[in-house]
Amino acid sequence: MEKDWRMVSTALVIIALTLIGGTASVSGDGVGPGRDMVPRIAILIAVPIEAQWIYPFFTLERHFVADGFNFSTGTIAGRKVVLEVGSEGEAAAAAAVLVTNRYFNVQWAVSIGTAGSHFAPIDVGDVVVVNRIFDDSSMRITSYSPMAWTWLGSTVMLPNGTTRNFMYLNTTGYLINLADQAAGLIPPFPITPAQYVGTGQPHTAVVVRNGTDASSDLWIANAAVIAQVHATTGSSDEEMEAFGFGVTCYRLGIPFIKIAVISDSDVTGSQFTYDTVRISMTNGLSLLLEMIMLSSLGH
């Protein structure tokens, strides 16, 4: 997956300066603010280039650094939220949940960010509501609840002869229902222009329900392997945080959901660019904002 890192780096600098300029209270690294007991929705976004699209909807209370993680508290659609940005990868996502739980009273948590498609009809701009997450490390989980985990019945044989056997981590049922309600209320997404789609044809983006996320620090980035994994597991997408995020929420008893927004596809040839991030995150956030508004009404 090719990335225009010069463009990404520029965006990171701009966002960092924006955060510094808007900071109301910054603690030193490792110095926490004391536990905030206000019930909040926790929103975790892996990298700043993905997070910039949420700020127009976010009313900032304060920003601070605690235990090496960047937190911003405020409101979205009238609901109290805490936004954590900058925890890329499985281990960082897991640690971010731990630290968030240490300092905040988390009602429910969502990880939202870019992902690569595993299935040709799913492409740039589509928003996947993830019901199941799996990762190589899931085969090593031995303490689990049947309500939260289900075994995949067959073994994945990769083209090089390597075999994998996975266990799914199920996301929280009532949040899936909330996402389904929200999907029925948001307007249609704008058509993704053909220049951003690997097929060269405009793509009508949709909310993909009942998604299965292949989560790993190692990108597959190989269409043949992706096809094999998809055929066996039903995977809709792949990204780098969902399993670390999800299993830690599960251990802590935090209701959680993953929203994967499709920014590229090794299946069709769509490329990861600044514009595909903008398109996918804008669409994904429209779903999340509707979820937050519905939750404020007690749904």
Protein backbone atom coordinates (compact mmCIF):
# COMPACT_ATOMS: atom_id res chain seq x y z
CA MET A 1 0.00 0.00 0.00
CA GLU A 2 1.65 3.21 -1.13
CA LYS A 3 1.26 6.33 0.92
CA ASP A 4 2.22 9.89 0.14
CA TRP A 5 4.13 10.33 3.37
CA ARG A 6 5.19 13.86 2.56
CA MET A 7 1.52 14.86 2.45
CA VAL A 8 0.80 12.88 5.60
CA SER A 9 3.73 14.47 7.45
CA THR A 10 2.56 17.95 6.49
CA ALA A 11 -0.92 17.15 7.77
CA LEU A 12 0.50 15.85 11.04
CA VAL A 13 2.42 19.05 11.63
CA ILE A 14 -0.64 21.18 10.91
CA ILE A 15 -2.81 19.16 13.27
CA ALA A 16 -0.17 19.17 15.99
CA LEU A 17 0.05 22.95 15.82
CA THR A 18 -3.74 23.17 15.92
CA LEU A 19 -3.90 21.02 19.05
CA ILE A 20 -1.18 23.04 20.75
CA GLY A 21 -2.94 26.26 19.90
CA GLY A 22 -6.24 24.94 21.28
CA THR A 23 -4.81 23.42 24.43
CA ALA A 24 -6.46 24.55 27.64
CA SER A 25 -4.55 22.35 30.06
CA VAL A 26 -1.52 20.21 29.35
CA SER A 27 0.03 17.93 31.93
CA GLY A 28 3.54 16.59 31.73
CA ASP A 29 4.16 13.12 30.35
CA GLY A 30 3.09 10.59 32.97
CA VAL A 31 1.26 13.17 35.07
CA GLY A 32 -2.44 12.40 35.03
CA PRO A 33 -5.33 14.82 35.61
CA GLY A 34 -7.03 12.71 38.26
CA ARG A 35 -9.95 10.51 37.31
CA ASP A 36 -12.74 12.30 35.50
CA MET A 37 -15.98 10.70 36.74
CA VAL A 38 -18.22 12.34 34.11
CA PRO A 39 -19.71 9.56 31.96
CA ARG A 40 -18.13 9.85 28.52
CA ILE A 41 -18.03 8.14 25.14
CA ALA A 42 -14.40 7.29 24.32
CA ILE A 43 -13.39 7.81 20.69
CA LEU A 44 -10.01 6.36 19.70
CA ILE A 45 -8.40 7.33 16.40
CA ALA A 46 -5.02 5.89 15.47
CA VAL A 47 -3.32 8.76 13.59
CA PRO A 48 -3.86 12.53 13.42
CA ILE A 49 -4.47 12.56 9.66
CA GLU A 50 -7.63 10.56 10.35
CA ALA A 51 -8.68 12.65 13.33
CA GLN A 52 -8.74 16.08 11.69
CA TRP A 53 -12.20 15.50 10.23
CA ILE A 54 -13.84 15.15 13.65
CA TYR A 55 -12.76 18.55 15.01
CA PRO A 56 -15.49 20.64 13.29
CA PHE A 57 -18.06 18.65 15.32
CA PHE A 58 -16.06 18.69 18.55
CA THR A 59 -16.37 21.37 21.24
CA LEU A 60 -13.12 21.32 23.21
CA GLU A 61 -13.02 21.51 27.01
CA ARG A 62 -9.33 20.81 27.41
CA HIS A 63 -6.42 18.89 25.98
CA PHE A 64 -3.70 17.16 27.97
CA VAL A 65 -1.10 14.41 27.81
CA ALA A 66 -1.28 11.59 30.36
CA ASP A 67 0.95 8.53 30.45
CA GLY A 68 2.17 9.35 26.96
CA PHE A 69 -1.28 9.56 25.37
CA ASN A 70 -3.01 12.63 23.94
CA PHE A 71 -6.51 13.28 25.29
CA SER A 72 -9.07 15.93 24.43
CA THR A 73 -12.29 16.21 26.42
CA GLY A 74 -15.37 17.98 25.17
CA THR A 75 -18.77 17.43 23.63
CA ILE A 76 -20.13 16.11 20.36
CA ALA A 77 -23.84 16.44 19.61
CA GLY A 78 -24.43 17.38 23.24
CA ARG A 79 -22.75 14.24 24.63
CA LYS A 80 -19.63 14.28 26.79
CA VAL A 81 -16.77 12.54 25.00
CA VAL A 82 -13.06 11.94 25.35
CA LEU A 83 -11.00 11.79 22.17
CA GLU A 84 -7.68 9.91 22.14
CA VAL A 85 -5.51 10.35 19.05
CA GLY A 86 -2.22 8.75 18.11
CA SER A 87 -2.24 5.08 19.13
CA GLU A 88 -1.34 3.28 15.92
CA GLY A 89 -0.96 -0.50 16.03
CA GLU A 90 -2.37 -3.28 18.19
CA ALA A 91 -0.21 -2.76 21.28
CA ALA A 92 -0.67 1.01 21.28
CA ALA A 93 -4.44 0.64 20.84
CA ALA A 94 -4.60 -1.77 23.79
CA ALA A 95 -2.53 0.57 25.96
CA ALA A 96 -4.68 3.53 24.94
CA VAL A 97 -7.80 1.74 26.21
CA LEU A 98 -6.08 0.96 29.52
CA VAL A 99 -4.99 4.56 30.05
CA THR A 100 -8.36 5.94 28.92
CA ASN A 101 -10.11 3.69 31.42
CA ARG A 102 -7.70 4.83 34.13
CA TYR A 103 -8.56 8.50 33.75
CA PHE A 104 -12.14 8.46 32.49
CA ASN A 105 -15.54 6.99 33.24
CA VAL A 106 -16.12 5.32 29.86
CA GLN A 107 -19.74 4.48 29.01
CA TRP A 108 -18.80 2.93 25.70
CA ALA A 109 -15.86 3.09 23.34
CA VAL A 110 -15.43 3.26 19.58
CA SER A 111 -12.34 2.82 17.45
CA ILE A 112 -12.78 4.52 14.08
CA GLY A 113 -10.19 4.69 11.33
CA THR A 114 -9.07 3.77 7.84
CA ALA A 115 -8.91 0.20 6.57
CA GLY A 116 -8.16 -1.74 3.40
CA SER A 117 -10.92 -3.69 1.69
CA HIS A 118 -10.92 -7.51 1.50
CA PHE A 119 -13.84 -7.79 -0.91
CA ALA A 120 -14.16 -6.20 -4.35
CA PRO A 121 -17.63 -4.61 -3.87
CA ILE A 122 -16.31 -2.80 -0.78
CA ASP A 123 -14.17 0.16 -1.80
CA VAL A 124 -13.18 3.74 -1.00
CA GLY A 125 -15.82 5.58 1.01
CA ASP A 126 -17.64 2.54 2.35
CA VAL A 127 -18.16 2.37 6.11
CA VAL A 128 -17.94 -1.06 7.75
CA VAL A 129 -19.78 -1.65 11.03
CA VAL A 130 -17.66 -4.43 12.49
CA ASN A 131 -19.49 -7.25 14.28
CA ARG A 132 -16.47 -9.58 14.52
CA ILE A 133 -12.73 -9.05 14.86
CA PHE A 134 -10.00 -11.63 14.45
CA ASP A 135 -6.21 -11.59 14.62
CA ASP A 136 -3.36 -14.12 14.61
CA SER A 137 -3.06 -13.67 18.36
CA SER A 138 -6.70 -14.66 18.88
CA MET A 139 -5.71 -18.32 18.72
CA ARG A 140 -3.80 -17.77 21.99
CA ILE A 141 -6.77 -16.50 24.00
CA THR A 142 -7.81 -19.12 26.57
CA SER A 143 -10.08 -17.19 28.96
CA TYR A 144 -13.27 -16.16 27.25
CA SER A 145 -17.03 -15.88 27.48
CA PRO A 146 -19.12 -17.69 24.85
CA MET A 147 -21.14 -14.51 24.44
CA ALA A 148 -18.03 -12.55 23.47
CA TRP A 149 -16.05 -15.13 21.49
CA THR A 150 -16.86 -17.64 18.75
CA TRP A 151 -14.54 -20.11 17.07
CA LEU A 152 -14.07 -20.01 13.32
CA GLY A 153 -14.85 -23.55 12.26
CA SER A 154 -12.16 -24.02 9.61
CA THR A 155 -8.43 -23.45 9.21
CA VAL A 156 -7.09 -20.86 6.76
CA MET A 157 -4.47 -22.31 4.40
CA LEU A 158 -2.38 -19.51 2.94
CA PRO A 159 -0.78 -19.84 -0.53
CA ASN A 160 2.66 -20.54 1.00
CA GLY A 161 1.29 -23.50 2.97
CA THR A 162 1.06 -21.69 6.31
CA THR A 163 -2.11 -22.43 8.24
CA ARG A 164 -4.02 -20.18 10.62
CA ASN A 165 -6.94 -20.92 12.92
CA PHE A 166 -8.82 -17.94 14.28
CA MET A 167 -11.28 -17.03 17.00
CA TYR A 168 -13.64 -14.11 16.47
CA LEU A 169 -14.06 -11.40 19.09
CA ASN A 170 -17.65 -10.15 18.91
CA THR A 171 -18.30 -6.44 19.36
CA THR A 172 -21.05 -5.25 21.73
CA GLY A 173 -24.57 -6.11 20.58
CA TYR A 174 -26.41 -2.97 21.64
CA LEU A 175 -23.81 -0.79 19.91
CA ILE A 176 -24.27 -2.81 16.72
CA ASN A 177 -28.00 -2.14 17.03
CA LEU A 178 -27.30 1.55 17.61
CA ALA A 179 -25.13 1.64 14.46
CA ASP A 180 -27.90 -0.08 12.49
CA GLN A 181 -30.41 2.54 13.64
CA ALA A 182 -27.99 5.34 12.77
CA ALA A 183 -27.32 3.88 9.31
CA GLY A 184 -31.02 4.14 8.55
CA LEU A 185 -31.06 7.85 9.42
CA ILE A 186 -28.02 9.27 7.64
CA PRO A 187 -28.32 10.61 4.08
CA PRO A 188 -26.69 8.76 1.16
CA PHE A 189 -22.95 9.25 0.85
CA PRO A 190 -21.67 11.27 -2.12
CA ILE A 191 -20.43 9.05 -4.95
CA THR A 192 -16.69 8.48 -4.73
CA PRO A 193 -15.09 9.87 -7.93
CA ALA A 194 -13.63 7.32 -10.34
CA GLN A 195 -10.11 8.73 -9.88
CA TYR A 196 -9.99 7.31 -6.35
CA VAL A 197 -11.37 3.87 -7.20
CA GLY A 198 -9.16 1.05 -8.46
CA THR A 199 -11.72 -0.06 -11.04
CA GLY A 200 -11.74 3.40 -12.59
CA GLN A 201 -15.49 3.60 -12.08
CA PRO A 202 -17.37 5.87 -9.64
CA HIS A 203 -18.29 4.05 -6.46
CA THR A 204 -21.56 4.42 -4.58
CA ALA A 205 -20.46 4.23 -0.95
CA VAL A 206 -22.68 2.53 1.64
CA VAL A 207 -22.72 1.42 5.26
CA VAL A 208 -21.61 -2.23 5.26
CA ARG A 209 -23.28 -4.03 8.15
CA ASN A 210 -22.26 -7.28 9.81
CA GLY A 211 -18.58 -6.71 9.00
CA THR A 212 -15.64 -8.97 9.88
CA ASP A 213 -12.38 -7.15 10.58
CA ALA A 214 -8.98 -8.81 10.02
CA SER A 215 -6.84 -6.95 12.54
CA SER A 216 -3.06 -7.24 12.62
CA ASP A 217 0.14 -5.20 12.79
CA LEU A 218 1.15 -6.94 9.55
CA TRP A 219 -0.66 -5.75 6.44
CA ILE A 220 -1.49 -8.55 4.01
CA ALA A 221 -1.25 -6.22 0.96
CA ASN A 222 -1.44 -9.18 -1.43
CA ALA A 223 -4.61 -9.73 -3.45
CA ALA A 224 -4.17 -13.52 -3.68
CA VAL A 225 -3.70 -13.94 0.07
CA ILE A 226 -6.54 -11.54 0.79
CA ALA A 227 -8.83 -13.59 -1.45
CA GLN A 228 -7.95 -16.75 0.45
CA VAL A 229 -8.48 -15.15 3.87
CA HIS A 230 -11.75 -13.60 2.73
CA ALA A 231 -13.02 -16.88 1.29
CA THR A 232 -12.42 -18.69 4.57
CA THR A 233 -13.23 -16.03 7.18
CA GLY A 234 -15.64 -13.69 5.41
CA SER A 235 -13.31 -10.79 6.18
CA SER A 236 -14.54 -7.43 4.94
CA ASP A 237 -11.46 -5.36 5.70
CA GLU A 238 -8.08 -5.22 7.41
CA GLU A 239 -6.51 -2.64 9.73
CA MET A 240 -4.09 -2.39 12.65
CA GLU A 241 -5.92 -1.53 15.88
CA ALA A 242 -9.26 -3.32 16.25
CA PHE A 243 -8.09 -6.46 18.05
CA GLY A 244 -5.86 -4.66 20.57
CA PHE A 245 -8.64 -2.16 21.18
CA GLY A 246 -11.41 -4.75 21.34
CA VAL A 247 -9.79 -7.38 23.52
CA THR A 248 -8.76 -4.75 26.08
CA CYS A 249 -12.28 -3.30 26.20
CA TYR A 250 -13.57 -6.85 26.62
CA ARG A 251 -11.21 -7.53 29.53
CA LEU A 252 -12.20 -4.27 31.23
CA GLY A 253 -15.94 -4.72 30.65
CA ILE A 254 -16.23 -1.66 28.40
CA PRO A 255 -18.91 -1.89 25.69
CA PHE A 256 -17.14 -1.36 22.35
CA ILE A 257 -17.55 -1.16 18.61
CA LYS A 258 -15.24 -0.79 15.62
CA ILE A 259 -16.05 1.40 12.62
CA ALA A 260 -13.68 0.69 9.73
CA VAL A 261 -13.74 3.25 6.93
CA ILE A 262 -12.36 2.03 3.61
CA SER A 263 -9.54 4.16 2.24
CA ASP A 264 -7.91 1.69 -0.18
CA SER A 265 -8.16 -1.78 -1.67
CA ASP A 266 -5.46 -4.20 -2.79
CA VAL A 267 -8.30 -6.17 -4.39
CA THR A 268 -9.34 -3.41 -6.83
CA GLY A 269 -6.14 -1.35 -6.75
CA SER A 270 -7.50 1.71 -4.93
CA GLN A 271 -4.65 3.66 -3.35
CA PHE A 272 -4.31 5.21 0.12
CA THR A 273 -4.11 9.00 -0.33
CA TYR A 274 -4.98 12.12 1.61
CA ASP A 275 -8.21 12.39 -0.39
CA THR A 276 -9.31 8.79 0.23
CA VAL A 277 -8.73 9.34 3.96
CA ARG A 278 -10.87 12.48 3.77
CA ILE A 279 -13.66 10.70 1.89
CA SER A 280 -13.72 7.63 4.12
CA MET A 281 -13.41 9.44 7.45
CA THR A 282 -16.09 11.99 6.49
CA ASN A 283 -18.50 9.15 5.71
CA GLY A 284 -17.59 7.19 8.84
CA LEU A 285 -17.98 10.18 11.10
CA SER A 286 -21.45 10.88 9.73
CA LEU A 287 -22.44 7.45 11.03
CA LEU A 288 -20.70 7.94 14.38
CA LEU A 289 -22.26 11.37 14.90
CA GLU A 290 -25.72 9.92 14.33
CA MET A 291 -24.92 7.13 16.82
CA ILE A 292 -23.91 9.71 19.41
CA MET A 293 -27.07 11.73 18.84
CA LEU A 294 -29.22 8.62 19.18
CA SER A 295 -27.44 7.65 22.38
CA SER A 296 -28.17 11.07 23.83
CA LEU A 297 -31.86 10.33 23.33
CA GLY A 298 -31.58 7.14 25.32
CA HIS A 299 -31.77 4.72 22.36
